Amino acid sequence: CNGCPSSIASSSMVAQIVSGRSLDQALTLTSEDVLLLLDGLPEGKGYYAELAVQALRNALSSEVKT
């Protein structure tokens, strides 16, 4: 991502959470988990947590298919 602090914070938190976790553990992560650990995001920016989780799931599903 380029520039949005909420997007950067969300994706960074996702990376920290799943680091060292199994694939199954990583797939249980939800946007609510990310928002909780970030202590929320500014109003109207909560969807960035969902985007970060969805990007993780997309990446992991690509890894499983190869």
C-alpha atoms as a PDB file:
ATOM      1  CA  CYS A   1       0.000   0.000   0.000  1.00  0.00           C
ATOM      2  CA  ASN A   2       1.097   3.550  -0.454  1.00  0.00           C
ATOM      3  CA  GLY A   3       0.577   6.125   2.206  1.00  0.00           C
ATOM      4  CA  CYS A   4      -2.625   5.460   4.149  1.00  0.00           C
ATOM      5  CA  PRO A   5      -1.686   5.088   7.839  1.00  0.00           C
ATOM      6  CA  SER A   6      -4.757   2.948   8.596  1.00  0.00           C
ATOM      7  CA  SER A   7      -3.932   0.551   5.778  1.00  0.00           C
ATOM      8  CA  ILE A   8      -0.284   0.382   6.793  1.00  0.00           C
ATOM      9  CA  ALA A   9      -1.192  -0.225  10.448  1.00  0.00           C
ATOM     10  CA  SER A  10      -3.683  -2.961   9.533  1.00  0.00           C
ATOM     11  CA  SER A  11      -1.357  -4.817   7.199  1.00  0.00           C
ATOM     12  CA  SER A  12       1.535  -4.489   9.628  1.00  0.00           C
ATOM     13  CA  MET A  13      -0.579  -5.896  12.459  1.00  0.00           C
ATOM     14  CA  VAL A  14      -1.664  -8.828  10.291  1.00  0.00           C
ATOM     15  CA  ALA A  15       1.974  -9.582   9.467  1.00  0.00           C
ATOM     16  CA  GLN A  16       2.937  -9.457  13.155  1.00  0.00           C
ATOM     17  CA  ILE A  17       0.051 -11.671  14.216  1.00  0.00           C
ATOM     18  CA  VAL A  18       0.644 -14.452  11.687  1.00  0.00           C
ATOM     19  CA  SER A  19       4.425 -14.476  11.898  1.00  0.00           C
ATOM     20  CA  GLY A  20       5.446 -17.909  13.169  1.00  0.00           C
ATOM     21  CA  ARG A  21       1.898 -19.269  13.075  1.00  0.00           C
ATOM     22  CA  SER A  22       0.706 -22.319  11.181  1.00  0.00           C
ATOM     23  CA  LEU A  23      -1.417 -21.949   8.061  1.00  0.00           C
ATOM     24  CA  ASP A  24      -4.498 -23.093   9.950  1.00  0.00           C
ATOM     25  CA  GLN A  25      -3.862 -20.582  12.732  1.00  0.00           C
ATOM     26  CA  ALA A  26      -3.302 -17.755  10.264  1.00  0.00           C
ATOM     27  CA  LEU A  27      -6.574 -18.524   8.503  1.00  0.00           C
ATOM     28  CA  THR A  28      -8.548 -18.026  11.721  1.00  0.00           C
ATOM     29  CA  LEU A  29      -7.592 -14.341  11.891  1.00  0.00           C
ATOM     30  CA  THR A  30     -10.514 -11.932  11.532  1.00  0.00           C
ATOM     31  CA  SER A  31     -10.754  -8.217  10.913  1.00  0.00           C
ATOM     32  CA  GLU A  32     -12.266  -7.891  14.389  1.00  0.00           C
ATOM     33  CA  ASP A  33      -9.054  -9.377  15.835  1.00  0.00           C
ATOM     34  CA  VAL A  34      -7.000  -6.804  13.953  1.00  0.00           C
ATOM     35  CA  LEU A  35      -9.219  -3.921  15.073  1.00  0.00           C
ATOM     36  CA  LEU A  36      -9.067  -5.101  18.671  1.00  0.00           C
ATOM     37  CA  LEU A  37      -5.275  -5.312  18.658  1.00  0.00           C
ATOM     38  CA  LEU A  38      -4.990  -1.907  17.002  1.00  0.00           C
ATOM     39  CA  ASP A  39      -7.423  -0.476  19.556  1.00  0.00           C
ATOM     40  CA  GLY A  40      -9.590   0.538  16.621  1.00  0.00           C
ATOM     41  CA  LEU A  41      -9.030   2.733  13.598  1.00  0.00           C
ATOM     42  CA  PRO A  42     -10.337   6.212  12.816  1.00  0.00           C
ATOM     43  CA  GLU A  43     -13.996   6.487  11.881  1.00  0.00           C
ATOM     44  CA  GLY A  44     -14.590   5.283   8.344  1.00  0.00           C
ATOM     45  CA  LYS A  45     -11.264   3.425   8.147  1.00  0.00           C
ATOM     46  CA  GLY A  46     -12.230   0.101   9.743  1.00  0.00           C
ATOM     47  CA  TYR A  47     -12.533  -1.569   6.355  1.00  0.00           C
ATOM     48  CA  TYR A  48      -8.750  -1.499   6.059  1.00  0.00           C
ATOM     49  CA  ALA A  49      -8.582  -4.261   8.656  1.00  0.00           C
ATOM     50  CA  GLU A  50     -10.859  -6.367   6.452  1.00  0.00           C
ATOM     51  CA  LEU A  51      -8.737  -5.614   3.385  1.00  0.00           C
ATOM     52  CA  ALA A  52      -5.588  -6.709   5.215  1.00  0.00           C
ATOM     53  CA  VAL A  53      -7.175  -9.966   6.363  1.00  0.00           C
ATOM     54  CA  GLN A  54      -8.536 -10.633   2.881  1.00  0.00           C
ATOM     55  CA  ALA A  55      -5.101 -10.009   1.357  1.00  0.00           C
ATOM     56  CA  LEU A  56      -3.642 -12.536   3.789  1.00  0.00           C
ATOM     57  CA  ARG A  57      -6.278 -15.113   2.860  1.00  0.00           C
ATOM     58  CA  ASN A  58      -5.675 -14.506  -0.831  1.00  0.00           C
ATOM     59  CA  ALA A  59      -1.941 -14.959  -0.377  1.00  0.00           C
ATOM     60  CA  LEU A  60      -2.373 -18.117   1.687  1.00  0.00           C
ATOM     61  CA  SER A  61      -4.852 -19.642  -0.747  1.00  0.00           C
ATOM     62  CA  SER A  62      -2.344 -19.017  -3.543  1.00  0.00           C
ATOM     63  CA  GLU A  63       0.319 -20.765  -1.470  1.00  0.00           C
ATOM     64  CA  VAL A  64      -1.922 -23.786  -0.864  1.00  0.00           C
ATOM     65  CA  LYS A  65      -2.714 -24.146  -4.584  1.00  0.00           C
ATOM     66  CA  THR A  66       0.943 -24.231  -5.689  1.00  0.00           C
END
